[in-house]
Amino acid sequence: MASEKILNQKKEEVKKLAEEMKEAKLILLTDYRGINVTDDTTLRRDLRGVGAKYNIIKNNITRRALAECGIEGLEEQLEGPTAVVMSSEDYLEASKVIYKFSKDNDYYTIKGGVIDGKVMTAEEIITLAKLPSRETLLSMLAGALLGNISKIAVALDQVRIQKEEAGEKVTVSVPAEETAVAEEATAETTEEA
């Protein structure tokens, strides 16, 4: 039977891990079989670069810490060698790093995990990891919006050209308050000059 000192050390490990898990936005369980030290070092460096931690923790300790956090549904994934990846910053970037690494290393696999308190399968995590980054999505949205605005501007210009060709007088009406603001800006610019 284990001594009380060893039991207290394990309880402390569980408590510390559970506290980290409560603050984490991402907890990934991965199978690290078949990777060499060089690849492992590269993976750890890449994960540190996105604010994530990579630890190899005994399954029993991980299981108890998850239970202490009230997270259920990952018991089956805690079989065999398991590495735990945690990030309290951004779950997407760490997921992308792990997914890319698993694509490049046949034996390294994602077992499952927790994202923002929700237990997820490996397939769900991989689907999220394949999404473009937030910055890419925002730039795609901006591009789509600018494209639509450009189309409207071209259409309005074509209407103006057609009316001019038909001999109609084209006037652009500007609300009075916008005219006043424009006149103030012009007056200030003239005074400064």
C-alpha atoms as a PDB file:
ATOM      1  CA  MET A   1       0.000   0.000   0.000  1.00  0.00           C
ATOM      2  CA  ALA A   2       1.240   3.472  -0.832  1.00  0.00           C
ATOM      3  CA  SER A   3       2.553   5.595   1.979  1.00  0.00           C
ATOM      4  CA  GLU A   4       0.608   8.595   3.181  1.00  0.00           C
ATOM      5  CA  LYS A   5       3.345  10.913   1.888  1.00  0.00           C
ATOM      6  CA  ILE A   6       2.953   9.553  -1.660  1.00  0.00           C
ATOM      7  CA  LEU A   7      -0.845   9.762  -1.435  1.00  0.00           C
ATOM      8  CA  ASN A   8      -0.619  13.398  -0.326  1.00  0.00           C
ATOM      9  CA  GLN A   9       1.739  14.182  -3.222  1.00  0.00           C
ATOM     10  CA  LYS A  10      -0.706  12.636  -5.695  1.00  0.00           C
ATOM     11  CA  LYS A  11      -3.635  14.528  -4.156  1.00  0.00           C
ATOM     12  CA  GLU A  12      -1.652  17.742  -4.521  1.00  0.00           C
ATOM     13  CA  GLU A  13      -0.895  16.908  -8.191  1.00  0.00           C
ATOM     14  CA  VAL A  14      -4.585  16.256  -8.842  1.00  0.00           C
ATOM     15  CA  LYS A  15      -5.588  19.509  -7.128  1.00  0.00           C
ATOM     16  CA  LYS A  16      -3.031  21.574  -9.077  1.00  0.00           C
ATOM     17  CA  LEU A  17      -4.006  19.975 -12.405  1.00  0.00           C
ATOM     18  CA  ALA A  18      -7.717  20.478 -11.667  1.00  0.00           C
ATOM     19  CA  GLU A  19      -7.116  24.190 -11.005  1.00  0.00           C
ATOM     20  CA  GLU A  20      -5.300  24.533 -14.336  1.00  0.00           C
ATOM     21  CA  MET A  21      -8.097  22.662 -16.101  1.00  0.00           C
ATOM     22  CA  LYS A  22     -10.758  24.945 -14.618  1.00  0.00           C
ATOM     23  CA  GLU A  23      -9.003  27.983 -16.120  1.00  0.00           C
ATOM     24  CA  ALA A  24      -8.268  26.314 -19.476  1.00  0.00           C
ATOM     25  CA  LYS A  25     -10.277  27.108 -22.596  1.00  0.00           C
ATOM     26  CA  LEU A  26      -8.788  24.015 -24.229  1.00  0.00           C
ATOM     27  CA  ILE A  27      -7.888  20.604 -22.834  1.00  0.00           C
ATOM     28  CA  LEU A  28      -6.716  18.116 -25.463  1.00  0.00           C
ATOM     29  CA  LEU A  29      -5.841  14.494 -24.885  1.00  0.00           C
ATOM     30  CA  THR A  30      -3.424  13.079 -27.446  1.00  0.00           C
ATOM     31  CA  ASP A  31      -1.659   9.788 -28.064  1.00  0.00           C
ATOM     32  CA  TYR A  32       2.036  10.555 -28.412  1.00  0.00           C
ATOM     33  CA  ARG A  33       3.294   7.069 -29.338  1.00  0.00           C
ATOM     34  CA  GLY A  34       5.910   6.939 -32.063  1.00  0.00           C
ATOM     35  CA  ILE A  35       7.288  10.481 -31.923  1.00  0.00           C
ATOM     36  CA  ASN A  36      10.934  11.126 -31.317  1.00  0.00           C
ATOM     37  CA  VAL A  37      12.541  13.649 -28.991  1.00  0.00           C
ATOM     38  CA  THR A  38      13.237  16.158 -31.779  1.00  0.00           C
ATOM     39  CA  ASP A  39       9.592  16.171 -32.914  1.00  0.00           C
ATOM     40  CA  ASP A  40       8.410  16.356 -29.308  1.00  0.00           C
ATOM     41  CA  THR A  41      10.648  19.365 -28.663  1.00  0.00           C
ATOM     42  CA  THR A  42       9.391  21.082 -31.824  1.00  0.00           C
ATOM     43  CA  LEU A  43       5.774  20.462 -30.821  1.00  0.00           C
ATOM     44  CA  ARG A  44       6.319  21.850 -27.327  1.00  0.00           C
ATOM     45  CA  ARG A  45       7.993  24.973 -28.774  1.00  0.00           C
ATOM     46  CA  ASP A  46       5.143  25.523 -31.262  1.00  0.00           C
ATOM     47  CA  LEU A  47       2.541  25.137 -28.508  1.00  0.00           C
ATOM     48  CA  ARG A  48       4.390  27.579 -26.225  1.00  0.00           C
ATOM     49  CA  GLY A  49       4.307  30.027 -29.135  1.00  0.00           C
ATOM     50  CA  VAL A  50       0.479  30.037 -29.020  1.00  0.00           C
ATOM     51  CA  GLY A  51       0.273  30.079 -25.201  1.00  0.00           C
ATOM     52  CA  ALA A  52      -0.413  26.374 -24.653  1.00  0.00           C
ATOM     53  CA  LYS A  53       1.180  23.822 -22.326  1.00  0.00           C
ATOM     54  CA  TYR A  54       2.067  20.249 -23.246  1.00  0.00           C
ATOM     55  CA  ASN A  55       2.505  17.726 -20.432  1.00  0.00           C
ATOM     56  CA  ILE A  56       2.649  13.997 -20.100  1.00  0.00           C
ATOM     57  CA  ILE A  57       0.623  13.154 -17.022  1.00  0.00           C
ATOM     58  CA  LYS A  58      -0.401   9.786 -15.644  1.00  0.00           C
ATOM     59  CA  ASN A  59      -3.884   8.806 -16.813  1.00  0.00           C
ATOM     60  CA  ASN A  60      -5.051   8.219 -13.251  1.00  0.00           C
ATOM     61  CA  ILE A  61      -4.070  11.754 -12.191  1.00  0.00           C
ATOM     62  CA  THR A  62      -5.711  13.232 -15.307  1.00  0.00           C
ATOM     63  CA  ARG A  63      -8.875  11.178 -14.730  1.00  0.00           C
ATOM     64  CA  ARG A  64      -9.174  12.380 -11.128  1.00  0.00           C
ATOM     65  CA  ALA A  65      -8.497  16.015 -12.060  1.00  0.00           C
ATOM     66  CA  LEU A  66     -11.188  15.875 -14.757  1.00  0.00           C
ATOM     67  CA  ALA A  67     -13.604  14.373 -12.237  1.00  0.00           C
ATOM     68  CA  GLU A  68     -12.757  17.116  -9.741  1.00  0.00           C
ATOM     69  CA  CYS A  69     -13.618  19.684 -12.443  1.00  0.00           C
ATOM     70  CA  GLY A  70     -16.908  17.917 -13.149  1.00  0.00           C
ATOM     71  CA  ILE A  71     -15.858  16.921 -16.679  1.00  0.00           C
ATOM     72  CA  GLU A  72     -17.219  13.561 -17.751  1.00  0.00           C
ATOM     73  CA  GLY A  73     -17.034  11.622 -20.992  1.00  0.00           C
ATOM     74  CA  LEU A  74     -13.286  11.318 -21.519  1.00  0.00           C
ATOM     75  CA  GLU A  75     -12.692   8.180 -19.482  1.00  0.00           C
ATOM     76  CA  GLU A  76     -12.284   5.979 -22.583  1.00  0.00           C
ATOM     77  CA  GLN A  77      -9.676   8.340 -24.042  1.00  0.00           C
ATOM     78  CA  LEU A  78      -7.487   7.925 -20.966  1.00  0.00           C
ATOM     79  CA  GLU A  79      -6.093   4.575 -22.104  1.00  0.00           C
ATOM     80  CA  GLY A  80      -2.492   4.119 -23.174  1.00  0.00           C
ATOM     81  CA  PRO A  81       0.101   6.890 -23.398  1.00  0.00           C
ATOM     82  CA  THR A  82      -1.651  10.259 -23.093  1.00  0.00           C
ATOM     83  CA  ALA A  83      -0.290  13.774 -23.389  1.00  0.00           C
ATOM     84  CA  VAL A  84      -2.392  16.664 -22.108  1.00  0.00           C
ATOM     85  CA  VAL A  85      -2.409  19.967 -23.990  1.00  0.00           C
ATOM     86  CA  MET A  86      -3.960  22.948 -22.202  1.00  0.00           C
ATOM     87  CA  SER A  87      -4.451  26.558 -23.175  1.00  0.00           C
ATOM     88  CA  SER A  88      -6.118  29.286 -21.182  1.00  0.00           C
ATOM     89  CA  GLU A  89      -5.789  31.761 -24.048  1.00  0.00           C
ATOM     90  CA  ASP A  90      -6.972  30.676 -27.486  1.00  0.00           C
ATOM     91  CA  TYR A  91      -8.247  27.184 -28.149  1.00  0.00           C
ATOM     92  CA  LEU A  92      -8.215  27.512 -31.939  1.00  0.00           C
ATOM     93  CA  GLU A  93      -4.504  28.180 -32.441  1.00  0.00           C
ATOM     94  CA  ALA A  94      -3.419  25.352 -30.120  1.00  0.00           C
ATOM     95  CA  SER A  95      -5.858  22.996 -31.876  1.00  0.00           C
ATOM     96  CA  LYS A  96      -4.357  23.996 -35.229  1.00  0.00           C
ATOM     97  CA  VAL A  97      -0.824  23.272 -33.991  1.00  0.00           C
ATOM     98  CA  ILE A  98      -1.819  19.817 -32.732  1.00  0.00           C
ATOM     99  CA  TYR A  99      -3.821  19.036 -35.883  1.00  0.00           C
ATOM    100  CA  LYS A 100      -0.933  20.052 -38.162  1.00  0.00           C
ATOM    101  CA  PHE A 101       1.479  17.976 -36.092  1.00  0.00           C
ATOM    102  CA  SER A 102      -0.828  14.931 -36.211  1.00  0.00           C
ATOM    103  CA  LYS A 103      -1.065  15.267 -40.014  1.00  0.00           C
ATOM    104  CA  ASP A 104       2.719  15.250 -40.301  1.00  0.00           C
ATOM    105  CA  ASN A 105       3.198  12.374 -37.800  1.00  0.00           C
ATOM    106  CA  ASP A 106       1.139   9.264 -38.525  1.00  0.00           C
ATOM    107  CA  TYR A 107       1.282   7.836 -35.013  1.00  0.00           C
ATOM    108  CA  TYR A 108       0.405  11.035 -33.170  1.00  0.00           C
ATOM    109  CA  THR A 109      -3.375  11.250 -32.758  1.00  0.00           C
ATOM    110  CA  ILE A 110      -5.954  13.436 -31.072  1.00  0.00           C
ATOM    111  CA  LYS A 111      -8.071  11.376 -28.672  1.00  0.00           C
ATOM    112  CA  GLY A 112     -10.594  14.011 -27.611  1.00  0.00           C
ATOM    113  CA  GLY A 113     -10.834  16.994 -25.355  1.00  0.00           C
ATOM    114  CA  VAL A 114     -12.712  19.878 -23.834  1.00  0.00           C
ATOM    115  CA  ILE A 115     -13.238  23.263 -25.469  1.00  0.00           C
ATOM    116  CA  ASP A 116     -14.779  26.021 -23.348  1.00  0.00           C
ATOM    117  CA  GLY A 117     -16.203  23.439 -20.935  1.00  0.00           C
ATOM    118  CA  LYS A 118     -17.756  21.227 -23.631  1.00  0.00           C
ATOM    119  CA  VAL A 119     -16.464  17.682 -24.105  1.00  0.00           C
ATOM    120  CA  MET A 120     -15.650  17.094 -27.769  1.00  0.00           C
ATOM    121  CA  THR A 121     -14.641  14.132 -29.889  1.00  0.00           C
ATOM    122  CA  ALA A 122     -11.450  14.028 -31.922  1.00  0.00           C
ATOM    123  CA  GLU A 123     -13.480  14.582 -35.112  1.00  0.00           C
ATOM    124  CA  GLU A 124     -15.119  17.738 -33.724  1.00  0.00           C
ATOM    125  CA  ILE A 125     -11.753  19.121 -32.629  1.00  0.00           C
ATOM    126  CA  ILE A 126     -10.236  18.393 -36.051  1.00  0.00           C
ATOM    127  CA  THR A 127     -13.168  20.152 -37.742  1.00  0.00           C
ATOM    128  CA  LEU A 128     -12.549  23.257 -35.602  1.00  0.00           C
ATOM    129  CA  ALA A 129      -8.808  23.088 -36.252  1.00  0.00           C
ATOM    130  CA  LYS A 130      -9.426  23.162 -40.015  1.00  0.00           C
ATOM    131  CA  LEU A 131     -11.270  26.507 -39.763  1.00  0.00           C
ATOM    132  CA  PRO A 132      -9.392  29.610 -40.860  1.00  0.00           C
ATOM    133  CA  SER A 133      -7.996  31.841 -38.128  1.00  0.00           C
ATOM    134  CA  ARG A 134     -10.047  34.713 -36.716  1.00  0.00           C
ATOM    135  CA  GLU A 135      -8.000  37.282 -38.650  1.00  0.00           C
ATOM    136  CA  THR A 136      -8.532  35.381 -41.911  1.00  0.00           C
ATOM    137  CA  LEU A 137     -12.278  35.152 -41.305  1.00  0.00           C
ATOM    138  CA  LEU A 138     -12.459  38.899 -40.548  1.00  0.00           C
ATOM    139  CA  SER A 139     -10.532  39.766 -43.699  1.00  0.00           C
ATOM    140  CA  MET A 140     -12.821  37.487 -45.737  1.00  0.00           C
ATOM    141  CA  LEU A 141     -15.858  39.281 -44.249  1.00  0.00           C
ATOM    142  CA  ALA A 142     -14.346  42.710 -44.973  1.00  0.00           C
ATOM    143  CA  GLY A 143     -13.595  41.666 -48.546  1.00  0.00           C
ATOM    144  CA  ALA A 144     -17.154  40.442 -49.061  1.00  0.00           C
ATOM    145  CA  LEU A 145     -18.587  43.681 -47.650  1.00  0.00           C
ATOM    146  CA  LEU A 146     -16.313  45.858 -49.784  1.00  0.00           C
ATOM    147  CA  GLY A 147     -17.219  43.837 -52.857  1.00  0.00           C
ATOM    148  CA  ASN A 148     -20.921  44.463 -52.271  1.00  0.00           C
ATOM    149  CA  ILE A 149     -20.368  48.171 -51.653  1.00  0.00           C
ATOM    150  CA  SER A 150     -18.364  48.410 -54.883  1.00  0.00           C
ATOM    151  CA  LYS A 151     -21.170  46.709 -56.809  1.00  0.00           C
ATOM    152  CA  ILE A 152     -23.698  49.197 -55.405  1.00  0.00           C
ATOM    153  CA  ALA A 153     -21.437  52.130 -56.327  1.00  0.00           C
ATOM    154  CA  VAL A 154     -21.066  50.838 -59.905  1.00  0.00           C
ATOM    155  CA  ALA A 155     -24.819  50.283 -60.212  1.00  0.00           C
ATOM    156  CA  LEU A 156     -25.567  53.817 -58.964  1.00  0.00           C
ATOM    157  CA  ASP A 157     -23.013  55.267 -61.353  1.00  0.00           C
ATOM    158  CA  GLN A 158     -24.630  53.380 -64.238  1.00  0.00           C
ATOM    159  CA  VAL A 159     -28.039  54.810 -63.271  1.00  0.00           C
ATOM    160  CA  ARG A 160     -26.499  58.306 -63.237  1.00  0.00           C
ATOM    161  CA  ILE A 161     -24.950  57.766 -66.699  1.00  0.00           C
ATOM    162  CA  GLN A 162     -28.250  56.481 -68.128  1.00  0.00           C
ATOM    163  CA  LYS A 163     -30.137  59.476 -66.758  1.00  0.00           C
ATOM    164  CA  GLU A 164     -27.557  61.897 -68.154  1.00  0.00           C
ATOM    165  CA  GLU A 165     -27.767  60.225 -71.566  1.00  0.00           C
ATOM    166  CA  ALA A 166     -31.547  60.508 -71.447  1.00  0.00           C
ATOM    167  CA  GLY A 167     -31.172  64.229 -70.850  1.00  0.00           C
ATOM    168  CA  GLU A 168     -32.389  64.217 -67.280  1.00  0.00           C
ATOM    169  CA  LYS A 169     -30.725  66.427 -64.758  1.00  0.00           C
ATOM    170  CA  VAL A 170     -29.035  64.361 -62.083  1.00  0.00           C
ATOM    171  CA  THR A 171     -28.900  65.836 -58.600  1.00  0.00           C
ATOM    172  CA  VAL A 172     -27.419  64.391 -55.527  1.00  0.00           C
ATOM    173  CA  SER A 173     -29.225  65.316 -52.360  1.00  0.00           C
ATOM    174  CA  VAL A 174     -27.315  65.523 -49.152  1.00  0.00           C
ATOM    175  CA  PRO A 175     -29.151  65.854 -45.830  1.00  0.00           C
ATOM    176  CA  ALA A 176     -28.886  69.320 -44.265  1.00  0.00           C
ATOM    177  CA  GLU A 177     -26.934  68.139 -41.220  1.00  0.00           C
ATOM    178  CA  GLU A 178     -24.270  66.507 -43.395  1.00  0.00           C
ATOM    179  CA  THR A 179     -24.009  69.682 -45.469  1.00  0.00           C
ATOM    180  CA  ALA A 180     -23.513  71.725 -42.290  1.00  0.00           C
ATOM    181  CA  VAL A 181     -20.765  69.372 -41.069  1.00  0.00           C
ATOM    182  CA  ALA A 182     -19.031  69.534 -44.458  1.00  0.00           C
ATOM    183  CA  GLU A 183     -19.244  73.359 -44.487  1.00  0.00           C
ATOM    184  CA  GLU A 184     -17.782  73.543 -40.955  1.00  0.00           C
ATOM    185  CA  ALA A 185     -14.885  71.279 -41.966  1.00  0.00           C
ATOM    186  CA  THR A 186     -14.238  73.410 -45.031  1.00  0.00           C
ATOM    187  CA  ALA A 187     -14.335  76.624 -42.949  1.00  0.00           C
ATOM    188  CA  GLU A 188     -11.886  75.180 -40.392  1.00  0.00           C
ATOM    189  CA  THR A 189      -9.515  74.088 -43.143  1.00  0.00           C
ATOM    190  CA  THR A 190      -9.664  77.544 -44.755  1.00  0.00           C
ATOM    191  CA  GLU A 191      -8.997  79.286 -41.416  1.00  0.00           C
ATOM    192  CA  GLU A 192      -5.986  77.067 -40.691  1.00  0.00           C
ATOM    193  CA  ALA A 193      -4.496  77.830 -44.120  1.00  0.00           C
END
